[in-house]
C-alpha atoms as a PDB file:
ATOM      1  CA  MET A   1      58.594 -53.238  -3.242  1.00  0.00           C
ATOM      2  CA  SER A   2      56.305 -53.301  -6.198  1.00  0.00           C
ATOM      3  CA  ARG A   3      54.984 -56.528  -7.558  1.00  0.00           C
ATOM      4  CA  LEU A   4      55.701 -57.689 -11.062  1.00  0.00           C
ATOM      5  CA  PRO A   5      52.780 -56.708 -13.378  1.00  0.00           C
ATOM      6  CA  LYS A   6      50.679 -59.401 -14.975  1.00  0.00           C
ATOM      7  CA  TYR A   7      51.077 -59.902 -18.587  1.00  0.00           C
ATOM      8  CA  ILE A   8      47.860 -60.894 -20.367  1.00  0.00           C
ATOM      9  CA  GLU A   9      48.361 -62.190 -23.792  1.00  0.00           C
ATOM     10  CA  ALA A  10      46.102 -61.976 -26.894  1.00  0.00           C
ATOM     11  CA  ASP A  11      44.638 -65.562 -26.388  1.00  0.00           C
ATOM     12  CA  ASP A  12      43.712 -64.800 -22.816  1.00  0.00           C
ATOM     13  CA  VAL A  13      42.026 -61.485 -23.820  1.00  0.00           C
ATOM     14  CA  LYS A  14      39.991 -63.284 -26.486  1.00  0.00           C
ATOM     15  CA  ARG A  15      38.952 -65.981 -23.997  1.00  0.00           C
ATOM     16  CA  ILE A  16      37.969 -63.383 -21.232  1.00  0.00           C
ATOM     17  CA  LEU A  17      36.404 -60.415 -23.137  1.00  0.00           C
ATOM     18  CA  LYS A  18      32.832 -60.972 -24.298  1.00  0.00           C
ATOM     19  CA  MET A  19      30.673 -58.340 -26.363  1.00  0.00           C
ATOM     20  CA  THR A  20      27.773 -58.865 -23.983  1.00  0.00           C
ATOM     21  CA  ASP A  21      30.101 -57.552 -21.098  1.00  0.00           C
ATOM     22  CA  LEU A  22      31.994 -54.911 -23.239  1.00  0.00           C
ATOM     23  CA  ILE A  23      29.164 -53.051 -24.963  1.00  0.00           C
ATOM     24  CA  PRO A  24      27.410 -51.704 -21.897  1.00  0.00           C
ATOM     25  CA  ILE A  25      30.845 -50.657 -20.366  1.00  0.00           C
ATOM     26  CA  ILE A  26      31.820 -48.831 -23.658  1.00  0.00           C
ATOM     27  CA  GLU A  27      28.336 -47.243 -23.608  1.00  0.00           C
ATOM     28  CA  LYS A  28      28.808 -45.884 -20.085  1.00  0.00           C
ATOM     29  CA  ALA A  29      32.487 -44.774 -20.862  1.00  0.00           C
ATOM     30  CA  MET A  30      31.246 -42.778 -23.927  1.00  0.00           C
ATOM     31  CA  GLY A  31      28.577 -41.164 -21.737  1.00  0.00           C
ATOM     32  CA  ASP A  32      30.986 -40.297 -19.124  1.00  0.00           C
ATOM     33  CA  PHE A  33      33.354 -38.893 -21.519  1.00  0.00           C
ATOM     34  CA  SER A  34      30.750 -36.570 -23.082  1.00  0.00           C
ATOM     35  CA  LYS A  35      29.852 -35.230 -19.584  1.00  0.00           C
ATOM     36  CA  GLY A  36      33.199 -33.461 -19.400  1.00  0.00           C
ATOM     37  CA  GLU A  37      34.477 -32.846 -15.773  1.00  0.00           C
ATOM     38  CA  ASP A  38      31.287 -34.130 -14.399  1.00  0.00           C
ATOM     39  CA  GLY A  39      31.958 -37.554 -16.054  1.00  0.00           C
ATOM     40  CA  GLY A  40      35.215 -38.058 -14.124  1.00  0.00           C
ATOM     41  CA  VAL A  41      37.214 -38.688 -17.358  1.00  0.00           C
ATOM     42  CA  VAL A  42      40.610 -37.179 -18.010  1.00  0.00           C
ATOM     43  CA  GLN A  43      41.715 -37.744 -21.640  1.00  0.00           C
ATOM     44  CA  PRO A  44      43.781 -35.689 -24.037  1.00  0.00           C
ATOM     45  CA  VAL A  45      43.693 -36.218 -27.733  1.00  0.00           C
ATOM     46  CA  ARG A  46      46.049 -39.063 -28.680  1.00  0.00           C
ATOM     47  CA  SER A  47      49.714 -38.084 -29.565  1.00  0.00           C
ATOM     48  CA  ILE A  48      50.852 -39.439 -32.961  1.00  0.00           C
ATOM     49  CA  ILE A  49      54.283 -39.353 -34.557  1.00  0.00           C
ATOM     50  CA  PRO A  50      54.913 -40.591 -38.164  1.00  0.00           C
ATOM     51  CA  VAL A  51      57.469 -43.093 -38.917  1.00  0.00           C
ATOM     52  CA  GLU A  52      57.941 -41.930 -42.308  1.00  0.00           C
ATOM     53  CA  LYS A  53      60.807 -44.107 -43.588  1.00  0.00           C
ATOM     54  CA  HIS A  54      58.584 -47.218 -43.060  1.00  0.00           C
ATOM     55  CA  GLY A  55      55.095 -45.641 -43.767  1.00  0.00           C
ATOM     56  CA  GLY A  56      54.028 -46.170 -40.206  1.00  0.00           C
ATOM     57  CA  PHE A  57      52.657 -44.283 -37.243  1.00  0.00           C
ATOM     58  CA  PHE A  58      53.201 -44.492 -33.455  1.00  0.00           C
ATOM     59  CA  GLY A  59      50.581 -43.247 -31.027  1.00  0.00           C
ATOM     60  CA  ALA A  60      50.200 -42.879 -27.359  1.00  0.00           C
ATOM     61  CA  MET A  61      46.586 -42.801 -25.775  1.00  0.00           C
ATOM     62  CA  PRO A  62      46.436 -42.063 -21.915  1.00  0.00           C
ATOM     63  CA  ALA A  63      43.248 -41.888 -20.079  1.00  0.00           C
ATOM     64  CA  TYR A  64      41.903 -41.966 -16.559  1.00  0.00           C
ATOM     65  CA  SER A  65      38.250 -42.630 -15.424  1.00  0.00           C
ATOM     66  CA  GLU A  66      37.567 -41.754 -11.717  1.00  0.00           C
ATOM     67  CA  ASN A  67      34.252 -43.453 -11.700  1.00  0.00           C
ATOM     68  CA  ASP A  68      35.603 -46.819 -13.061  1.00  0.00           C
ATOM     69  CA  ALA A  69      38.999 -46.585 -11.289  1.00  0.00           C
ATOM     70  CA  ALA A  70      40.642 -47.169 -14.480  1.00  0.00           C
ATOM     71  CA  LEU A  71      44.123 -45.578 -15.375  1.00  0.00           C
ATOM     72  CA  ALA A  72      45.828 -46.684 -18.584  1.00  0.00           C
ATOM     73  CA  THR A  73      47.784 -45.811 -21.592  1.00  0.00           C
ATOM     74  CA  LYS A  74      47.760 -47.644 -25.014  1.00  0.00           C
ATOM     75  CA  LEU A  75      50.812 -47.611 -27.218  1.00  0.00           C
ATOM     76  CA  VAL A  76      49.926 -48.396 -30.804  1.00  0.00           C
ATOM     77  CA  THR A  77      51.450 -48.668 -34.164  1.00  0.00           C
ATOM     78  CA  PHE A  78      49.699 -48.414 -37.447  1.00  0.00           C
ATOM     79  CA  TYR A  79      51.519 -49.777 -40.440  1.00  0.00           C
ATOM     80  CA  PRO A  80      49.000 -49.993 -43.548  1.00  0.00           C
ATOM     81  CA  LYS A  81      51.695 -51.659 -45.536  1.00  0.00           C
ATOM     82  CA  ASN A  82      51.508 -54.746 -43.467  1.00  0.00           C
ATOM     83  CA  ALA A  83      48.181 -55.549 -45.142  1.00  0.00           C
ATOM     84  CA  GLY A  84      48.684 -58.950 -46.863  1.00  0.00           C
ATOM     85  CA  THR A  85      52.007 -59.683 -45.506  1.00  0.00           C
ATOM     86  CA  GLY A  86      50.913 -61.770 -42.438  1.00  0.00           C
ATOM     87  CA  LEU A  87      51.653 -59.011 -39.991  1.00  0.00           C
ATOM     88  CA  PRO A  88      48.749 -56.877 -38.300  1.00  0.00           C
ATOM     89  CA  THR A  89      48.320 -53.390 -39.696  1.00  0.00           C
ATOM     90  CA  HIS A  90      47.629 -52.368 -36.002  1.00  0.00           C
ATOM     91  CA  MET A  91      49.763 -53.491 -33.119  1.00  0.00           C
ATOM     92  CA  ALA A  92      49.237 -52.329 -29.534  1.00  0.00           C
ATOM     93  CA  ALA A  93      49.923 -52.744 -25.811  1.00  0.00           C
ATOM     94  CA  ILE A  94      47.821 -51.396 -23.037  1.00  0.00           C
ATOM     95  CA  ILE A  95      49.650 -50.475 -19.743  1.00  0.00           C
ATOM     96  CA  LEU A  96      47.275 -50.641 -16.821  1.00  0.00           C
ATOM     97  CA  PHE A  97      47.940 -48.889 -13.439  1.00  0.00           C
ATOM     98  CA  GLU A  98      46.361 -48.738 -10.020  1.00  0.00           C
ATOM     99  CA  PRO A  99      45.067 -45.206  -9.769  1.00  0.00           C
ATOM    100  CA  SER A 100      45.292 -44.897  -6.034  1.00  0.00           C
ATOM    101  CA  THR A 101      48.952 -45.632  -5.899  1.00  0.00           C
ATOM    102  CA  GLY A 102      50.357 -45.445  -9.457  1.00  0.00           C
ATOM    103  CA  GLU A 103      51.444 -48.982  -9.200  1.00  0.00           C
ATOM    104  CA  LEU A 104      51.808 -50.766 -12.588  1.00  0.00           C
ATOM    105  CA  LYS A 105      49.215 -53.593 -12.430  1.00  0.00           C
ATOM    106  CA  SER A 106      49.326 -55.219 -15.918  1.00  0.00           C
ATOM    107  CA  ILE A 107      50.623 -55.144 -19.583  1.00  0.00           C
ATOM    108  CA  LEU A 108      47.829 -56.398 -21.810  1.00  0.00           C
ATOM    109  CA  ASP A 109      47.925 -57.233 -25.543  1.00  0.00           C
ATOM    110  CA  GLY A 110      46.153 -54.366 -27.180  1.00  0.00           C
ATOM    111  CA  GLU A 111      45.178 -55.669 -30.494  1.00  0.00           C
ATOM    112  CA  VAL A 112      42.174 -57.738 -29.527  1.00  0.00           C
ATOM    113  CA  ILE A 113      40.961 -55.043 -27.004  1.00  0.00           C
ATOM    114  CA  THR A 114      41.360 -52.332 -29.779  1.00  0.00           C
ATOM    115  CA  SER A 115      39.383 -54.474 -32.305  1.00  0.00           C
ATOM    116  CA  MET A 116      36.574 -55.385 -29.956  1.00  0.00           C
ATOM    117  CA  ARG A 117      36.137 -51.934 -28.182  1.00  0.00           C
ATOM    118  CA  THR A 118      35.887 -50.205 -31.573  1.00  0.00           C
ATOM    119  CA  ALA A 119      33.223 -52.631 -32.695  1.00  0.00           C
ATOM    120  CA  ALA A 120      31.476 -52.236 -29.304  1.00  0.00           C
ATOM    121  CA  ALA A 121      31.406 -48.359 -29.761  1.00  0.00           C
ATOM    122  CA  SER A 122      29.874 -48.944 -33.119  1.00  0.00           C
ATOM    123  CA  ALA A 123      27.261 -51.108 -31.551  1.00  0.00           C
ATOM    124  CA  VAL A 124      26.427 -48.360 -29.157  1.00  0.00           C
ATOM    125  CA  ALA A 125      26.061 -45.853 -32.009  1.00  0.00           C
ATOM    126  CA  THR A 126      23.850 -48.416 -33.901  1.00  0.00           C
ATOM    127  CA  LYS A 127      21.783 -49.026 -30.971  1.00  0.00           C
ATOM    128  CA  TYR A 128      20.836 -45.304 -30.751  1.00  0.00           C
ATOM    129  CA  LEU A 129      20.734 -44.316 -34.418  1.00  0.00           C
ATOM    130  CA  ALA A 130      19.863 -47.271 -36.667  1.00  0.00           C
ATOM    131  CA  SER A 131      16.298 -48.130 -37.558  1.00  0.00           C
ATOM    132  CA  GLU A 132      14.734 -50.540 -35.201  1.00  0.00           C
ATOM    133  CA  ASN A 133      13.666 -52.575 -38.222  1.00  0.00           C
ATOM    134  CA  SER A 134      17.127 -52.896 -39.656  1.00  0.00           C
ATOM    135  CA  LYS A 135      17.491 -56.050 -41.719  1.00  0.00           C
ATOM    136  CA  ILE A 136      20.363 -55.663 -44.054  1.00  0.00           C
ATOM    137  CA  LEU A 137      23.991 -55.105 -42.889  1.00  0.00           C
ATOM    138  CA  CYS A 138      26.633 -53.913 -45.396  1.00  0.00           C
ATOM    139  CA  ILE A 139      30.322 -54.329 -44.429  1.00  0.00           C
ATOM    140  CA  LEU A 140      33.010 -52.720 -46.696  1.00  0.00           C
ATOM    141  CA  GLY A 141      36.312 -54.254 -45.719  1.00  0.00           C
ATOM    142  CA  SER A 142      37.253 -57.746 -44.830  1.00  0.00           C
ATOM    143  CA  GLY A 143      39.838 -57.345 -42.015  1.00  0.00           C
ATOM    144  CA  GLU A 144      39.846 -57.677 -38.273  1.00  0.00           C
ATOM    145  CA  GLN A 145      37.629 -54.638 -37.775  1.00  0.00           C
ATOM    146  CA  ALA A 146      35.089 -55.953 -40.382  1.00  0.00           C
ATOM    147  CA  ARG A 147      34.937 -59.268 -38.458  1.00  0.00           C
ATOM    148  CA  SER A 148      34.711 -57.746 -35.054  1.00  0.00           C
ATOM    149  CA  HIS A 149      31.829 -55.391 -36.369  1.00  0.00           C
ATOM    150  CA  TYR A 150      29.898 -58.403 -37.785  1.00  0.00           C
ATOM    151  CA  LYS A 151      29.884 -59.934 -34.343  1.00  0.00           C
ATOM    152  CA  SER A 152      29.145 -56.848 -32.449  1.00  0.00           C
ATOM    153  CA  LEU A 153      26.280 -55.463 -34.654  1.00  0.00           C
ATOM    154  CA  HIS A 154      24.462 -58.824 -34.366  1.00  0.00           C
ATOM    155  CA  HIS A 155      24.099 -57.998 -30.579  1.00  0.00           C
ATOM    156  CA  ILE A 156      22.002 -55.068 -31.562  1.00  0.00           C
ATOM    157  CA  CYS A 157      20.054 -55.946 -34.772  1.00  0.00           C
ATOM    158  CA  ASN A 158      18.458 -59.180 -36.039  1.00  0.00           C
ATOM    159  CA  PHE A 159      19.954 -58.972 -39.593  1.00  0.00           C
ATOM    160  CA  GLU A 160      18.384 -61.118 -42.240  1.00  0.00           C
ATOM    161  CA  GLU A 161      21.153 -60.415 -44.803  1.00  0.00           C
ATOM    162  CA  VAL A 162      24.848 -59.533 -44.596  1.00  0.00           C
ATOM    163  CA  ARG A 163      26.766 -58.170 -47.621  1.00  0.00           C
ATOM    164  CA  VAL A 164      30.581 -57.812 -47.742  1.00  0.00           C
ATOM    165  CA  TRP A 165      32.751 -56.106 -50.264  1.00  0.00           C
ATOM    166  CA  SER A 166      36.511 -55.883 -50.242  1.00  0.00           C
ATOM    167  CA  PRO A 167      38.981 -54.107 -52.707  1.00  0.00           C
ATOM    168  CA  THR A 168      40.496 -57.610 -52.950  1.00  0.00           C
ATOM    169  CA  LEU A 169      37.803 -60.098 -54.042  1.00  0.00           C
ATOM    170  CA  LYS A 170      39.517 -63.053 -52.489  1.00  0.00           C
ATOM    171  CA  ASN A 171      39.584 -61.378 -49.086  1.00  0.00           C
ATOM    172  CA  ALA A 172      35.842 -60.877 -49.264  1.00  0.00           C
ATOM    173  CA  GLN A 173      35.352 -64.541 -50.279  1.00  0.00           C
ATOM    174  CA  ALA A 174      37.523 -65.676 -47.268  1.00  0.00           C
ATOM    175  CA  PHE A 175      35.422 -63.482 -44.962  1.00  0.00           C
ATOM    176  CA  SER A 176      32.139 -64.980 -46.471  1.00  0.00           C
ATOM    177  CA  SER A 177      33.444 -68.517 -45.970  1.00  0.00           C
ATOM    178  CA  GLN A 178      33.904 -67.896 -42.211  1.00  0.00           C
ATOM    179  CA  LEU A 179      30.966 -65.479 -41.455  1.00  0.00           C
ATOM    180  CA  LYS A 180      27.656 -65.987 -43.208  1.00  0.00           C
ATOM    181  CA  SER A 181      27.435 -63.163 -45.745  1.00  0.00           C
ATOM    182  CA  LYS A 182      27.012 -62.393 -49.497  1.00  0.00           C
ATOM    183  CA  VAL A 183      29.915 -61.310 -51.434  1.00  0.00           C
ATOM    184  CA  CYS A 184      29.391 -58.255 -53.616  1.00  0.00           C
ATOM    185  CA  GLU A 185      31.587 -57.243 -56.547  1.00  0.00           C
ATOM    186  CA  THR A 186      31.209 -53.425 -56.069  1.00  0.00           C
ATOM    187  CA  ALA A 187      30.892 -51.175 -52.979  1.00  0.00           C
ATOM    188  CA  GLU A 188      27.743 -49.747 -54.671  1.00  0.00           C
ATOM    189  CA  GLU A 189      26.165 -53.166 -54.839  1.00  0.00           C
ATOM    190  CA  ALA A 190      26.851 -53.813 -51.203  1.00  0.00           C
ATOM    191  CA  VAL A 191      25.657 -50.351 -50.067  1.00  0.00           C
ATOM    192  CA  ARG A 192      22.367 -49.992 -52.017  1.00  0.00           C
ATOM    193  CA  GLY A 193      19.280 -50.821 -49.893  1.00  0.00           C
ATOM    194  CA  ALA A 194      21.341 -51.529 -46.695  1.00  0.00           C
ATOM    195  CA  ASP A 195      20.095 -50.321 -43.384  1.00  0.00           C
ATOM    196  CA  VAL A 196      23.408 -50.348 -41.536  1.00  0.00           C
ATOM    197  CA  ILE A 197      26.646 -49.737 -43.135  1.00  0.00           C
ATOM    198  CA  VAL A 198      30.226 -50.364 -41.996  1.00  0.00           C
ATOM    199  CA  THR A 199      33.249 -48.952 -43.667  1.00  0.00           C
ATOM    200  CA  ALA A 200      36.407 -50.527 -42.382  1.00  0.00           C
ATOM    201  CA  THR A 201      38.963 -49.970 -45.002  1.00  0.00           C
ATOM    202  CA  PHE A 202      42.280 -48.404 -45.711  1.00  0.00           C
ATOM    203  CA  ALA A 203      40.687 -46.183 -48.385  1.00  0.00           C
ATOM    204  CA  LYS A 204      42.271 -42.835 -48.896  1.00  0.00           C
ATOM    205  CA  GLN A 205      39.589 -41.615 -51.376  1.00  0.00           C
ATOM    206  CA  PRO A 206      35.758 -41.953 -50.802  1.00  0.00           C
ATOM    207  CA  ILE A 207      34.338 -45.369 -51.330  1.00  0.00           C
ATOM    208  CA  VAL A 208      30.632 -44.454 -50.497  1.00  0.00           C
ATOM    209  CA  GLU A 209      28.689 -41.963 -52.438  1.00  0.00           C
ATOM    210  CA  TRP A 210      25.393 -40.159 -51.059  1.00  0.00           C
ATOM    211  CA  GLU A 211      23.065 -41.386 -53.902  1.00  0.00           C
ATOM    212  CA  TRP A 212      24.001 -45.085 -53.015  1.00  0.00           C
ATOM    213  CA  VAL A 213      22.777 -44.746 -49.504  1.00  0.00           C
ATOM    214  CA  LYS A 214      19.228 -45.652 -48.420  1.00  0.00           C
ATOM    215  CA  PRO A 215      17.380 -42.615 -46.843  1.00  0.00           C
ATOM    216  CA  GLY A 216      17.477 -43.248 -43.007  1.00  0.00           C
ATOM    217  CA  ALA A 217      20.428 -45.668 -43.113  1.00  0.00           C
ATOM    218  CA  HIS A 218      23.117 -45.573 -40.361  1.00  0.00           C
ATOM    219  CA  ILE A 219      26.809 -45.656 -41.269  1.00  0.00           C
ATOM    220  CA  ASN A 220      29.615 -46.585 -38.853  1.00  0.00           C
ATOM    221  CA  ALA A 221      32.809 -45.189 -40.485  1.00  0.00           C
ATOM    222  CA  VAL A 222      35.915 -46.597 -38.765  1.00  0.00           C
ATOM    223  CA  GLY A 223      38.547 -46.304 -41.377  1.00  0.00           C
ATOM    224  CA  ALA A 224      40.384 -43.119 -42.799  1.00  0.00           C
ATOM    225  CA  VAL A 225      42.065 -42.264 -39.483  1.00  0.00           C
ATOM    226  CA  ASN A 226      44.193 -39.607 -41.171  1.00  0.00           C
ATOM    227  CA  ILE A 227      43.426 -35.953 -41.909  1.00  0.00           C
ATOM    228  CA  LYS A 228      44.061 -36.532 -45.687  1.00  0.00           C
ATOM    229  CA  TRP A 229      41.886 -39.649 -46.050  1.00  0.00           C
ATOM    230  CA  GLN A 230      38.260 -40.143 -46.666  1.00  0.00           C
ATOM    231  CA  GLU A 231      35.945 -43.274 -46.838  1.00  0.00           C
ATOM    232  CA  LEU A 232      32.832 -41.219 -47.218  1.00  0.00           C
ATOM    233  CA  SER A 233      32.081 -38.639 -49.953  1.00  0.00           C
ATOM    234  CA  SER A 234      31.978 -34.989 -48.848  1.00  0.00           C
ATOM    235  CA  GLU A 235      28.423 -34.777 -50.075  1.00  0.00           C
ATOM    236  CA  LEU A 236      27.435 -37.780 -47.990  1.00  0.00           C
ATOM    237  CA  MET A 237      28.980 -36.300 -44.946  1.00  0.00           C
ATOM    238  CA  GLN A 238      27.398 -32.958 -45.420  1.00  0.00           C
ATOM    239  CA  LYS A 239      23.843 -34.268 -46.097  1.00  0.00           C
ATOM    240  CA  SER A 240      23.991 -36.768 -43.128  1.00  0.00           C
ATOM    241  CA  VAL A 241      23.560 -36.183 -39.457  1.00  0.00           C
ATOM    242  CA  VAL A 242      27.114 -36.693 -38.209  1.00  0.00           C
ATOM    243  CA  HIS A 243      28.115 -38.140 -34.744  1.00  0.00           C
ATOM    244  CA  VAL A 244      31.477 -38.707 -33.397  1.00  0.00           C
ATOM    245  CA  ASP A 245      33.226 -40.292 -30.218  1.00  0.00           C
ATOM    246  CA  SER A 246      35.204 -37.156 -29.522  1.00  0.00           C
ATOM    247  CA  ARG A 247      34.369 -33.776 -31.179  1.00  0.00           C
ATOM    248  CA  GLU A 248      37.899 -32.466 -30.366  1.00  0.00           C
ATOM    249  CA  ALA A 249      39.596 -35.587 -31.823  1.00  0.00           C
ATOM    250  CA  ALA A 250      37.396 -35.533 -35.023  1.00  0.00           C
ATOM    251  CA  MET A 251      38.211 -31.867 -35.682  1.00  0.00           C
ATOM    252  CA  LYS A 252      41.898 -32.724 -35.453  1.00  0.00           C
ATOM    253  CA  GLU A 253      42.256 -36.211 -36.837  1.00  0.00           C
ATOM    254  CA  SER A 254      39.320 -37.157 -39.148  1.00  0.00           C
ATOM    255  CA  GLY A 255      39.773 -36.585 -42.811  1.00  0.00           C
ATOM    256  CA  ASP A 256      36.027 -37.388 -43.385  1.00  0.00           C
ATOM    257  CA  VAL A 257      35.229 -34.525 -41.143  1.00  0.00           C
ATOM    258  CA  ILE A 258      37.977 -32.040 -41.935  1.00  0.00           C
ATOM    259  CA  ILE A 259      37.788 -32.314 -45.802  1.00  0.00           C
ATOM    260  CA  SER A 260      34.014 -32.233 -46.011  1.00  0.00           C
ATOM    261  CA  LYS A 261      33.596 -29.483 -43.510  1.00  0.00           C
ATOM    262  CA  ALA A 262      30.611 -31.390 -42.308  1.00  0.00           C
ATOM    263  CA  GLU A 263      28.877 -30.270 -39.149  1.00  0.00           C
ATOM    264  CA  ILE A 264      29.067 -32.456 -36.108  1.00  0.00           C
ATOM    265  CA  PHE A 265      25.745 -32.858 -34.557  1.00  0.00           C
ATOM    266  CA  ALA A 266      26.750 -34.755 -31.339  1.00  0.00           C
ATOM    267  CA  GLU A 267      29.013 -37.151 -29.664  1.00  0.00           C
ATOM    268  CA  ILE A 268      27.586 -40.524 -29.079  1.00  0.00           C
ATOM    269  CA  GLY A 269      27.884 -39.898 -25.381  1.00  0.00           C
ATOM    270  CA  ASP A 270      25.438 -37.052 -25.758  1.00  0.00           C
ATOM    271  CA  LEU A 271      22.914 -39.678 -26.950  1.00  0.00           C
ATOM    272  CA  VAL A 272      23.712 -41.853 -24.115  1.00  0.00           C
ATOM    273  CA  ASN A 273      23.331 -39.021 -21.632  1.00  0.00           C
ATOM    274  CA  GLY A 274      20.129 -37.806 -23.219  1.00  0.00           C
ATOM    275  CA  THR A 275      21.439 -34.323 -23.867  1.00  0.00           C
ATOM    276  CA  LYS A 276      20.901 -34.724 -27.633  1.00  0.00           C
ATOM    277  CA  GLU A 277      18.068 -36.633 -29.310  1.00  0.00           C
ATOM    278  CA  ALA A 278      18.749 -39.347 -31.784  1.00  0.00           C
ATOM    279  CA  GLN A 279      17.388 -38.811 -35.306  1.00  0.00           C
ATOM    280  CA  ARG A 280      16.668 -42.313 -36.378  1.00  0.00           C
ATOM    281  CA  GLU A 281      14.531 -41.195 -39.426  1.00  0.00           C
ATOM    282  CA  LYS A 282      17.403 -39.332 -40.981  1.00  0.00           C
ATOM    283  CA  THR A 283      20.681 -40.842 -42.584  1.00  0.00           C
ATOM    284  CA  THR A 284      23.268 -40.711 -39.954  1.00  0.00           C
ATOM    285  CA  VAL A 285      26.920 -41.281 -39.654  1.00  0.00           C
ATOM    286  CA  PHE A 286      29.106 -42.187 -36.630  1.00  0.00           C
ATOM    287  CA  LYS A 287      32.647 -41.264 -37.590  1.00  0.00           C
ATOM    288  CA  SER A 288      34.696 -43.461 -35.091  1.00  0.00           C
ATOM    289  CA  LEU A 289      38.256 -42.550 -34.247  1.00  0.00           C
ATOM    290  CA  GLY A 290      38.597 -44.568 -31.079  1.00  0.00           C
ATOM    291  CA  ILE A 291      39.228 -42.955 -27.754  1.00  0.00           C
ATOM    292  CA  ALA A 292      41.570 -43.829 -24.995  1.00  0.00           C
ATOM    293  CA  ILE A 293      38.910 -44.183 -22.253  1.00  0.00           C
ATOM    294  CA  GLU A 294      37.524 -47.157 -24.284  1.00  0.00           C
ATOM    295  CA  ASP A 295      40.939 -48.805 -23.955  1.00  0.00           C
ATOM    296  CA  ALA A 296      41.189 -48.055 -20.299  1.00  0.00           C
ATOM    297  CA  VAL A 297      37.912 -49.409 -19.198  1.00  0.00           C
ATOM    298  CA  SER A 298      38.244 -52.417 -21.403  1.00  0.00           C
ATOM    299  CA  ALA A 299      41.711 -53.300 -20.097  1.00  0.00           C
ATOM    300  CA  LYS A 300      40.343 -52.911 -16.494  1.00  0.00           C
ATOM    301  CA  LEU A 301      37.514 -55.302 -17.367  1.00  0.00           C
ATOM    302  CA  VAL A 302      39.950 -57.905 -18.671  1.00  0.00           C
ATOM    303  CA  TYR A 303      42.338 -57.529 -15.847  1.00  0.00           C
ATOM    304  CA  ASP A 304      39.649 -57.820 -13.181  1.00  0.00           C
ATOM    305  CA  LYS A 305      38.145 -61.001 -14.855  1.00  0.00           C
ATOM    306  CA  HIS A 306      41.596 -62.500 -15.271  1.00  0.00           C
ATOM    307  CA  MET A 307      42.404 -62.020 -11.526  1.00  0.00           C
ATOM    308  CA  GLU A 308      39.012 -63.504 -10.516  1.00  0.00           C
ATOM    309  CA  ASN A 309      40.211 -66.760 -12.096  1.00  0.00           C
ATOM    310  CA  GLN A 310      43.659 -66.811 -10.356  1.00  0.00           C
END
C-alpha cells in the first residue's frame, strides 16, 4: 500500500530553498540537458492548451533526470489578466515521483520554485556571459520574477547601481521601496549604460531597442512566453549573440526568436559543458523559457531538505 504523498506548501518552499543551493543545481541540470542522451535527461517540449474564454493558458511539463534521480511534472496556469487583481499571474504545482518505483512522493507548491529556478537559470547565464566588471543592473518589470532576479543576480555580480522600470510607475516605486534601486521613468532611461539587463514583463511589443543597449551588455529576457509576443526588438535579437535554455523550445515557443528570425548561437548548457565558448565581449541575450528539468531537480532538492528535518 502506497504512502500518502507529502504536501509542501509555499511558505515551506520559501524557507527551505536558497539561491546558494539552487544556482549550482540548475547549472548542472542545464548542462545535463544540453548533453542530450549522454546527460540522462528525458524531457519533451511543454504541452500548452489555451483557456480562451478567460484569457489563460494551462501547461504540463514532465521531466526525468537519471543522474539526479528526479522524476516530476509541473502543472502550471498562466493568466496575464490576473495582474493587479491580487491573484498571481502564474500558479503551479509540481508532482514529484520516486523514479525507481513510480511512487508519488510529494506535491509541492510550484509558484516559488518557478520564480526561483527561473532567476537561478538567469544567474547561470549571467555567470558565463556578463562582463566580469558588471556594475549596473537594469530590471524592466516589478513583479515576482523581477524581485527574484534582483536577488539571484546579486549572487553573481557586485552591482553598484540597480535601476527599475515598470509600465506602472507605482509598481516600480513599490519595488524600489523594498529592494534598493533607482526608479526610472522610461525603459530607455533604465537600459542605457546598464551592464546586465533583465526583461520580466507582460509586453507583447518590443520594449528594448538595439540602440539603447551598451555594447557588450548581457540581457536576460524572461517575458514574452508566446509565439506572437516580443520584449526585444528584432534588430536587437539579430545583432546580439543569442542563447537559450532549450533550442527546440525556443524555436516553437519564443516570439522573440521566431518573429526576429534571429540565429541561436548556443544553449546555456553548451557553455556549462564547454562545447561552445562564451563571447563576453559581445552583446548577448539569454532568451529564457524555463525547462521542466529545472522544476524537477528543484522539487527534489526541496523534498530532500524537507525530509531531512522530519
